[in-house]
C-alpha atoms as a PDB file:
ATOM      1  CA  MET A   1      98.289  65.581  96.061  1.00  0.00           C
ATOM      2  CA  LEU A   2      99.005  68.309  98.612  1.00  0.00           C
ATOM      3  CA  PHE A   3      97.919  71.924  98.185  1.00  0.00           C
ATOM      4  CA  GLY A   4      99.010  74.966 100.124  1.00  0.00           C
ATOM      5  CA  VAL A   5      98.764  78.738  99.934  1.00  0.00           C
ATOM      6  CA  THR A   6     100.990  81.514 101.204  1.00  0.00           C
ATOM      7  CA  THR A   7      99.804  83.730 104.046  1.00  0.00           C
ATOM      8  CA  MET A   8     101.142  86.592 101.880  1.00  0.00           C
ATOM      9  CA  THR A   9      97.832  86.349 100.003  1.00  0.00           C
ATOM     10  CA  PHE A  10      96.124  87.352 103.258  1.00  0.00           C
ATOM     11  CA  PHE A  11      98.628  89.966 104.460  1.00  0.00           C
ATOM     12  CA  SER A  12      95.815  92.455 105.167  1.00  0.00           C
ATOM     13  CA  GLN A  13      94.572  90.018 107.839  1.00  0.00           C
ATOM     14  CA  PRO A  14      96.145  89.075 111.169  1.00  0.00           C
ATOM     15  CA  ILE A  15      98.104  85.899 110.476  1.00  0.00           C
ATOM     16  CA  LEU A  16      96.027  83.813 112.880  1.00  0.00           C
ATOM     17  CA  LYS A  17      92.897  84.915 110.986  1.00  0.00           C
ATOM     18  CA  ALA A  18      94.676  84.061 107.725  1.00  0.00           C
ATOM     19  CA  LEU A  19      95.192  80.512 108.975  1.00  0.00           C
ATOM     20  CA  GLU A  20      91.470  80.249 109.725  1.00  0.00           C
ATOM     21  CA  ILE A  21      90.661  81.329 106.154  1.00  0.00           C
ATOM     22  CA  ILE A  22      93.206  78.894 104.710  1.00  0.00           C
ATOM     23  CA  LYS A  23      91.648  76.016 106.626  1.00  0.00           C
ATOM     24  CA  GLU A  24      88.095  77.054 105.732  1.00  0.00           C
ATOM     25  CA  SER A  25      89.116  77.218 102.070  1.00  0.00           C
ATOM     26  CA  GLY A  26      90.193  73.568 102.101  1.00  0.00           C
ATOM     27  CA  PHE A  27      94.000  73.728 101.872  1.00  0.00           C
ATOM     28  CA  ASP A  28      96.348  71.129 103.374  1.00  0.00           C
ATOM     29  CA  TYR A  29      99.235  73.534 103.989  1.00  0.00           C
ATOM     30  CA  ALA A  30      99.848  77.124 104.974  1.00  0.00           C
ATOM     31  CA  GLU A  31     103.087  78.726 103.824  1.00  0.00           C
ATOM     32  CA  ILE A  32     103.963  80.986 106.746  1.00  0.00           C
ATOM     33  CA  TRP A  33     105.512  84.145 105.349  1.00  0.00           C
ATOM     34  CA  ALA A  34     108.042  85.215 107.979  1.00  0.00           C
ATOM     35  CA  ASP A  35     107.339  88.934 107.469  1.00  0.00           C
ATOM     36  CA  HIS A  36     103.660  88.248 108.187  1.00  0.00           C
ATOM     37  CA  ALA A  37     104.454  86.248 111.323  1.00  0.00           C
ATOM     38  CA  TRP A  38     106.678  89.054 112.603  1.00  0.00           C
ATOM     39  CA  ASP A  39     104.391  91.961 111.670  1.00  0.00           C
ATOM     40  CA  GLU A  40     104.027  94.319 114.636  1.00  0.00           C
ATOM     41  CA  ASP A  41     100.247  94.546 114.296  1.00  0.00           C
ATOM     42  CA  LYS A  42      99.208  91.341 112.499  1.00  0.00           C
ATOM     43  CA  GLY A  43     101.841  88.818 113.553  1.00  0.00           C
ATOM     44  CA  ALA A  44     101.942  86.049 116.144  1.00  0.00           C
ATOM     45  CA  SER A  45     104.528  84.151 118.142  1.00  0.00           C
ATOM     46  CA  ALA A  46     105.840  80.750 117.141  1.00  0.00           C
ATOM     47  CA  GLU A  47     103.909  79.260 120.052  1.00  0.00           C
ATOM     48  CA  GLU A  48     100.641  80.866 118.888  1.00  0.00           C
ATOM     49  CA  LEU A  49     101.225  79.780 115.306  1.00  0.00           C
ATOM     50  CA  LYS A  50     102.028  76.210 116.307  1.00  0.00           C
ATOM     51  CA  ALA A  51      98.913  76.001 118.478  1.00  0.00           C
ATOM     52  CA  ALA A  52      96.739  77.371 115.659  1.00  0.00           C
ATOM     53  CA  LEU A  53      98.189  74.957 113.095  1.00  0.00           C
ATOM     54  CA  GLU A  54      97.568  72.016 115.418  1.00  0.00           C
ATOM     55  CA  ARG A  55      94.029  73.141 116.252  1.00  0.00           C
ATOM     56  CA  LEU A  56      93.186  73.628 112.581  1.00  0.00           C
ATOM     57  CA  ASP A  57      94.969  70.422 111.491  1.00  0.00           C
ATOM     58  CA  LEU A  58      97.049  72.407 108.985  1.00  0.00           C
ATOM     59  CA  ARG A  59     100.608  71.567 108.010  1.00  0.00           C
ATOM     60  CA  SER A  60     103.140  74.250 107.199  1.00  0.00           C
ATOM     61  CA  THR A  61     106.073  75.459 105.189  1.00  0.00           C
ATOM     62  CA  VAL A  62     107.898  78.702 105.990  1.00  0.00           C
ATOM     63  CA  HIS A  63     108.977  81.398 103.536  1.00  0.00           C
ATOM     64  CA  CYS A  64     112.057  83.471 104.323  1.00  0.00           C
ATOM     65  CA  PRO A  65     111.657  87.181 105.119  1.00  0.00           C
ATOM     66  CA  ILE A  66     111.904  89.526 102.133  1.00  0.00           C
ATOM     67  CA  PHE A  67     111.244  93.036 103.491  1.00  0.00           C
ATOM     68  CA  ASP A  68     114.563  94.904 103.062  1.00  0.00           C
ATOM     69  CA  ILE A  69     116.463  91.600 103.245  1.00  0.00           C
ATOM     70  CA  LYS A  70     119.683  91.608 101.195  1.00  0.00           C
ATOM     71  CA  ILE A  71     121.828  88.568 101.920  1.00  0.00           C
ATOM     72  CA  ALA A  72     124.279  89.481  99.130  1.00  0.00           C
ATOM     73  CA  SER A  73     124.429  93.194  99.938  1.00  0.00           C
ATOM     74  CA  PRO A  74     127.773  94.921  99.404  1.00  0.00           C
ATOM     75  CA  ASN A  75     127.071  96.640 102.745  1.00  0.00           C
ATOM     76  CA  ARG A  76     128.537  94.341 105.430  1.00  0.00           C
ATOM     77  CA  GLY A  77     126.115  95.500 108.140  1.00  0.00           C
ATOM     78  CA  ILE A  78     123.035  94.996 105.974  1.00  0.00           C
ATOM     79  CA  ARG A  79     124.323  91.584 104.955  1.00  0.00           C
ATOM     80  CA  ALA A  80     124.859  90.561 108.577  1.00  0.00           C
ATOM     81  CA  GLU A  81     121.401  91.736 109.656  1.00  0.00           C
ATOM     82  CA  SER A  82     119.804  89.948 106.705  1.00  0.00           C
ATOM     83  CA  LEU A  83     121.545  86.742 107.755  1.00  0.00           C
ATOM     84  CA  ARG A  84     120.405  87.174 111.369  1.00  0.00           C
ATOM     85  CA  GLN A  85     116.776  87.545 110.330  1.00  0.00           C
ATOM     86  CA  THR A  86     117.000  84.611 107.930  1.00  0.00           C
ATOM     87  CA  PHE A  87     118.411  82.432 110.732  1.00  0.00           C
ATOM     88  CA  ASN A  88     115.444  83.517 112.871  1.00  0.00           C
ATOM     89  CA  ALA A  89     113.082  82.387 110.112  1.00  0.00           C
ATOM     90  CA  VAL A  90     114.839  79.005 110.000  1.00  0.00           C
ATOM     91  CA  ASP A  91     114.218  78.803 113.743  1.00  0.00           C
ATOM     92  CA  LEU A  92     110.538  79.469 113.097  1.00  0.00           C
ATOM     93  CA  ALA A  93     110.402  76.579 110.614  1.00  0.00           C
ATOM     94  CA  ARG A  94     112.134  74.351 113.169  1.00  0.00           C
ATOM     95  CA  ASP A  95     109.770  75.355 115.970  1.00  0.00           C
ATOM     96  CA  LEU A  96     106.686  74.789 113.811  1.00  0.00           C
ATOM     97  CA  GLY A  97     107.938  71.439 112.551  1.00  0.00           C
ATOM     98  CA  SER A  98     107.500  72.731 109.008  1.00  0.00           C
ATOM     99  CA  ARG A  99     107.995  70.543 105.946  1.00  0.00           C
ATOM    100  CA  LEU A 100     110.610  72.921 104.511  1.00  0.00           C
ATOM    101  CA  PHE A 101     111.972  76.454 104.397  1.00  0.00           C
ATOM    102  CA  VAL A 102     111.820  78.499 101.183  1.00  0.00           C
ATOM    103  CA  LEU A 103     115.002  80.505 100.711  1.00  0.00           C
ATOM    104  CA  HIS A 104     115.551  83.444  98.366  1.00  0.00           C
ATOM    105  CA  PRO A 105     119.055  83.940  96.991  1.00  0.00           C
ATOM    106  CA  GLY A 106     120.397  87.485  97.041  1.00  0.00           C
ATOM    107  CA  SER A 107     120.331  90.084  94.281  1.00  0.00           C
ATOM    108  CA  LYS A 108     122.774  92.747  93.197  1.00  0.00           C
ATOM    109  CA  PHE A 109     122.306  96.294  94.482  1.00  0.00           C
ATOM    110  CA  SER A 110     122.841  97.554  90.947  1.00  0.00           C
ATOM    111  CA  VAL A 111     123.558  96.177  87.482  1.00  0.00           C
ATOM    112  CA  LEU A 112     126.912  97.951  87.878  1.00  0.00           C
ATOM    113  CA  ASP A 113     127.952  95.730  90.814  1.00  0.00           C
ATOM    114  CA  ASP A 114     131.088  93.710  90.186  1.00  0.00           C
ATOM    115  CA  PRO A 115     129.699  90.239  89.344  1.00  0.00           C
ATOM    116  CA  GLN A 116     132.563  88.336  90.991  1.00  0.00           C
ATOM    117  CA  THR A 117     132.229  90.260  94.264  1.00  0.00           C
ATOM    118  CA  HIS A 118     128.455  89.836  94.218  1.00  0.00           C
ATOM    119  CA  TRP A 119     128.771  86.092  93.615  1.00  0.00           C
ATOM    120  CA  ARG A 120     131.290  85.772  96.470  1.00  0.00           C
ATOM    121  CA  PHE A 121     128.822  87.432  98.861  1.00  0.00           C
ATOM    122  CA  GLN A 122     126.015  85.249  97.453  1.00  0.00           C
ATOM    123  CA  VAL A 123     127.883  81.994  98.004  1.00  0.00           C
ATOM    124  CA  ASP A 124     129.198  83.002 101.434  1.00  0.00           C
ATOM    125  CA  SER A 125     125.752  83.964 102.739  1.00  0.00           C
ATOM    126  CA  LEU A 126     123.952  80.950 101.319  1.00  0.00           C
ATOM    127  CA  ALA A 127     126.632  78.620 102.691  1.00  0.00           C
ATOM    128  CA  LYS A 128     125.974  80.016 106.179  1.00  0.00           C
ATOM    129  CA  ILE A 129     122.190  79.792 105.847  1.00  0.00           C
ATOM    130  CA  LEU A 130     122.153  76.263 104.439  1.00  0.00           C
ATOM    131  CA  ALA A 131     124.599  75.059 107.102  1.00  0.00           C
ATOM    132  CA  TYR A 132     122.464  76.648 109.828  1.00  0.00           C
ATOM    133  CA  ALA A 133     119.269  75.099 108.420  1.00  0.00           C
ATOM    134  CA  LYS A 134     120.890  71.673 108.291  1.00  0.00           C
ATOM    135  CA  ALA A 135     122.052  72.022 111.902  1.00  0.00           C
ATOM    136  CA  GLN A 136     118.449  72.822 112.905  1.00  0.00           C
ATOM    137  CA  GLY A 137     117.055  69.833 111.003  1.00  0.00           C
ATOM    138  CA  VAL A 138     115.297  72.087 108.475  1.00  0.00           C
ATOM    139  CA  LEU A 139     115.242  71.348 104.744  1.00  0.00           C
ATOM    140  CA  ALA A 140     115.976  74.614 102.921  1.00  0.00           C
ATOM    141  CA  ALA A 141     114.988  74.850  99.238  1.00  0.00           C
ATOM    142  CA  VAL A 142     116.491  77.709  97.212  1.00  0.00           C
ATOM    143  CA  GLU A 143     114.029  79.505  94.933  1.00  0.00           C
ATOM    144  CA  ASN A 144     114.627  80.584  91.334  1.00  0.00           C
ATOM    145  CA  MET A 145     114.069  84.324  91.094  1.00  0.00           C
ATOM    146  CA  ASP A 146     112.553  86.756  88.579  1.00  0.00           C
ATOM    147  CA  SER A 147     113.963  86.023  85.131  1.00  0.00           C
ATOM    148  CA  ASP A 148     113.210  89.543  83.829  1.00  0.00           C
ATOM    149  CA  LYS A 149     115.321  91.429  86.393  1.00  0.00           C
ATOM    150  CA  GLU A 150     118.910  92.340  85.554  1.00  0.00           C
ATOM    151  CA  VAL A 151     119.977  92.510  89.200  1.00  0.00           C
ATOM    152  CA  VAL A 152     118.939  88.888  89.773  1.00  0.00           C
ATOM    153  CA  SER A 153     121.776  86.368  89.488  1.00  0.00           C
ATOM    154  CA  VAL A 154     119.898  83.124  90.245  1.00  0.00           C
ATOM    155  CA  LYS A 155     117.157  82.666  87.653  1.00  0.00           C
ATOM    156  CA  TYR A 156     117.563  79.305  85.922  1.00  0.00           C
ATOM    157  CA  TRP A 157     118.668  75.798  86.814  1.00  0.00           C
ATOM    158  CA  ALA A 158     122.151  76.547  85.436  1.00  0.00           C
ATOM    159  CA  ASP A 159     122.484  79.369  88.000  1.00  0.00           C
ATOM    160  CA  LEU A 160     121.296  77.131  90.826  1.00  0.00           C
ATOM    161  CA  ASN A 161     123.535  74.286  89.737  1.00  0.00           C
ATOM    162  CA  ARG A 162     126.538  76.648  89.645  1.00  0.00           C
ATOM    163  CA  LEU A 163     125.576  77.897  93.100  1.00  0.00           C
ATOM    164  CA  PHE A 164     125.406  74.407  94.607  1.00  0.00           C
ATOM    165  CA  LYS A 165     128.693  73.496  92.924  1.00  0.00           C
ATOM    166  CA  ASP A 166     130.411  76.552  94.421  1.00  0.00           C
ATOM    167  CA  LEU A 167     128.874  75.695  97.782  1.00  0.00           C
ATOM    168  CA  GLY A 168     130.324  72.198  97.519  1.00  0.00           C
ATOM    169  CA  SER A 169     126.853  70.863  98.282  1.00  0.00           C
ATOM    170  CA  SER A 170     125.718  67.401  97.253  1.00  0.00           C
ATOM    171  CA  GLU A 171     122.155  68.417  98.183  1.00  0.00           C
ATOM    172  CA  LYS A 172     120.506  70.642  95.585  1.00  0.00           C
ATOM    173  CA  TRP A 173     116.994  71.274  96.901  1.00  0.00           C
ATOM    174  CA  VAL A 174     115.086  73.962  95.048  1.00  0.00           C
ATOM    175  CA  THR A 175     111.716  75.685  95.117  1.00  0.00           C
ATOM    176  CA  LEU A 176     110.425  76.090  91.585  1.00  0.00           C
ATOM    177  CA  ASP A 177     108.485  79.327  91.197  1.00  0.00           C
ATOM    178  CA  ILE A 178     106.679  78.765  87.907  1.00  0.00           C
ATOM    179  CA  THR A 179     105.715  82.352  87.156  1.00  0.00           C
ATOM    180  CA  HIS A 180     109.241  83.688  87.803  1.00  0.00           C
ATOM    181  CA  LEU A 181     110.309  81.965  84.579  1.00  0.00           C
ATOM    182  CA  ARG A 182     107.598  83.787  82.613  1.00  0.00           C
ATOM    183  CA  ASP A 183     107.468  81.299  79.730  1.00  0.00           C
ATOM    184  CA  THR A 184     106.102  77.752  79.500  1.00  0.00           C
ATOM    185  CA  GLU A 185     109.092  76.392  77.574  1.00  0.00           C
ATOM    186  CA  GLN A 186     111.489  77.874  80.127  1.00  0.00           C
ATOM    187  CA  VAL A 187     109.534  76.176  82.917  1.00  0.00           C
ATOM    188  CA  LEU A 188     109.559  72.829  81.119  1.00  0.00           C
ATOM    189  CA  THR A 189     113.313  73.115  80.528  1.00  0.00           C
ATOM    190  CA  PHE A 190     113.847  73.886  84.221  1.00  0.00           C
ATOM    191  CA  ILE A 191     111.802  70.832  85.238  1.00  0.00           C
ATOM    192  CA  GLU A 192     113.719  68.575  82.843  1.00  0.00           C
ATOM    193  CA  GLN A 193     117.080  69.829  84.140  1.00  0.00           C
ATOM    194  CA  ALA A 194     116.289  70.056  87.864  1.00  0.00           C
ATOM    195  CA  GLY A 195     114.230  66.857  88.005  1.00  0.00           C
ATOM    196  CA  PRO A 196     114.220  65.249  91.464  1.00  0.00           C
ATOM    197  CA  ASN A 197     115.908  68.283  93.019  1.00  0.00           C
ATOM    198  CA  ILE A 198     112.573  70.140  92.998  1.00  0.00           C
ATOM    199  CA  ALA A 199     111.347  69.958  96.595  1.00  0.00           C
ATOM    200  CA  HIS A 200     108.590  72.573  96.473  1.00  0.00           C
ATOM    201  CA  VAL A 201     106.514  74.436  93.870  1.00  0.00           C
ATOM    202  CA  HIS A 202     105.025  77.921  93.913  1.00  0.00           C
ATOM    203  CA  LEU A 203     102.002  77.762  91.633  1.00  0.00           C
ATOM    204  CA  SER A 204     100.487  80.744  89.840  1.00  0.00           C
ATOM    205  CA  ASP A 205      99.848  81.947  86.310  1.00  0.00           C
ATOM    206  CA  GLY A 206     101.612  84.785  84.537  1.00  0.00           C
ATOM    207  CA  THR A 207     102.353  86.723  81.384  1.00  0.00           C
ATOM    208  CA  LEU A 208     105.517  88.383  80.136  1.00  0.00           C
ATOM    209  CA  GLN A 209     104.324  91.547  81.883  1.00  0.00           C
ATOM    210  CA  LYS A 210     102.711  90.237  85.092  1.00  0.00           C
ATOM    211  CA  MET A 211     103.463  87.510  87.620  1.00  0.00           C
ATOM    212  CA  HIS A 212     101.486  85.710  90.353  1.00  0.00           C
ATOM    213  CA  LEU A 213      98.153  85.803  88.565  1.00  0.00           C
ATOM    214  CA  PRO A 214      95.261  83.422  89.372  1.00  0.00           C
ATOM    215  CA  ILE A 215      95.216  80.160  87.419  1.00  0.00           C
ATOM    216  CA  GLY A 216      93.846  80.756  83.930  1.00  0.00           C
ATOM    217  CA  ALA A 217      94.485  84.508  84.029  1.00  0.00           C
ATOM    218  CA  GLY A 218      97.878  84.262  82.337  1.00  0.00           C
ATOM    219  CA  ASP A 219      99.584  82.687  79.350  1.00  0.00           C
ATOM    220  CA  LEU A 220     101.349  79.728  80.974  1.00  0.00           C
ATOM    221  CA  ASP A 221     100.351  76.223  79.910  1.00  0.00           C
ATOM    222  CA  LEU A 222      99.841  74.976  83.443  1.00  0.00           C
ATOM    223  CA  PRO A 223      98.435  71.531  82.470  1.00  0.00           C
ATOM    224  CA  ARG A 224     101.642  70.796  80.515  1.00  0.00           C
ATOM    225  CA  ILE A 225     103.738  72.039  83.422  1.00  0.00           C
ATOM    226  CA  ALA A 226     101.785  69.919  85.911  1.00  0.00           C
ATOM    227  CA  ALA A 227     102.184  66.861  83.675  1.00  0.00           C
ATOM    228  CA  ALA A 228     105.932  67.427  83.371  1.00  0.00           C
ATOM    229  CA  LEU A 229     106.326  67.639  87.140  1.00  0.00           C
ATOM    230  CA  GLY A 230     104.194  64.540  87.539  1.00  0.00           C
ATOM    231  CA  ALA A 231     106.414  62.688  85.075  1.00  0.00           C
ATOM    232  CA  GLN A 232     109.401  63.628  87.249  1.00  0.00           C
ATOM    233  CA  GLY A 233     107.650  62.087  90.258  1.00  0.00           C
ATOM    234  CA  TYR A 234     107.128  65.366  92.089  1.00  0.00           C
ATOM    235  CA  ALA A 235     105.314  64.616  95.358  1.00  0.00           C
ATOM    236  CA  GLY A 236     105.689  67.882  97.273  1.00  0.00           C
ATOM    237  CA  VAL A 237     103.281  70.713  98.010  1.00  0.00           C
ATOM    238  CA  TRP A 238     101.695  72.810  95.280  1.00  0.00           C
ATOM    239  CA  SER A 239     101.684  76.146  97.074  1.00  0.00           C
ATOM    240  CA  LEU A 240      99.486  78.826  95.517  1.00  0.00           C
ATOM    241  CA  GLU A 241     101.062  82.265  95.393  1.00  0.00           C
ATOM    242  CA  CYS A 242      98.654  84.742  93.846  1.00  0.00           C
ATOM    243  CA  PHE A 243      96.700  87.876  94.729  1.00  0.00           C
ATOM    244  CA  ILE A 244      93.020  87.434  95.623  1.00  0.00           C
ATOM    245  CA  ALA A 245      91.254  90.784  95.964  1.00  0.00           C
ATOM    246  CA  GLU A 246      89.652  91.324  99.377  1.00  0.00           C
ATOM    247  CA  ASN A 247      90.479  87.703 100.298  1.00  0.00           C
ATOM    248  CA  ASN A 248      87.126  86.664  98.859  1.00  0.00           C
ATOM    249  CA  LEU A 249      86.460  83.152 100.166  1.00  0.00           C
ATOM    250  CA  GLU A 250      84.582  81.997  97.064  1.00  0.00           C
ATOM    251  CA  ARG A 251      87.433  83.116  94.812  1.00  0.00           C
ATOM    252  CA  ILE A 252      89.997  81.433  97.058  1.00  0.00           C
ATOM    253  CA  ARG A 253      88.055  78.166  96.920  1.00  0.00           C
ATOM    254  CA  ALA A 254      87.723  78.564  93.151  1.00  0.00           C
ATOM    255  CA  GLU A 255      91.492  78.995  92.890  1.00  0.00           C
ATOM    256  CA  LEU A 256      92.044  75.775  94.838  1.00  0.00           C
ATOM    257  CA  ASP A 257      89.513  74.003  92.599  1.00  0.00           C
ATOM    258  CA  SER A 258      91.426  75.262  89.548  1.00  0.00           C
ATOM    259  CA  ALA A 259      94.671  73.910  90.986  1.00  0.00           C
ATOM    260  CA  LYS A 260      93.102  70.533  91.683  1.00  0.00           C
ATOM    261  CA  ALA A 261      91.635  70.422  88.177  1.00  0.00           C
ATOM    262  CA  LEU A 262      95.172  70.531  86.772  1.00  0.00           C
ATOM    263  CA  PHE A 263      95.617  67.081  88.279  1.00  0.00           C
ATOM    264  CA  GLN A 264      92.014  65.913  88.115  1.00  0.00           C
ATOM    265  CA  VAL A 265      91.938  65.799  91.910  1.00  0.00           C
ATOM    266  CA  ARG A 266      88.510  65.882  93.554  1.00  0.00           C
END
């Protein structure tokens, strides 16, 4: 069983310090958040990150940039710049030798956007990103997004399946974000439908009102969810994605222990 945590949890820290904390806490993987790596004050180069990962004996995944990124924007210039930065993040995953690249689909600017035009921009941008990732030898896994947001067009497996169909892609790799689905039954349905296409999991608890809570702080039946993924043969990384106040080391270790307890891992 492999456990990781996003550097987003430690965004107040320089990313190289975040990697030290992640190692000290006992994780196998660090999910390098591209915005953190590129931060003007707290970031680091690909060379520095690779050296730190090797020194700490940490493996990595990379999360796409999200700050002001709009790959399905109706504004052509914004869309092009969002693609450029996403390609750069794919390059980072390639240079680090990362296990995979987590990719967010785009959202509408407004609920009033024409759905057909939005979907055309969505498919066109994702086709370019997935083709670029494949050319770089990087596995890109598309994430399901927030199910409670009207501007989001890729929430459930049906949305992802439609997307891959329109892309003409035989590969359907996805990152399952558990808390984005808000409800245990919705998560279990997603797992049943997506099955072996789930390449990566973002693990956190949640309620109908709040997402990305520590394990046990929400309403999700995480043991049932873990068992369902196990029954599907999931063998990827369980990457924790929750807020830990002040990056308290004891609380971070306790969160990892809670994740391991879901699988009775010691």
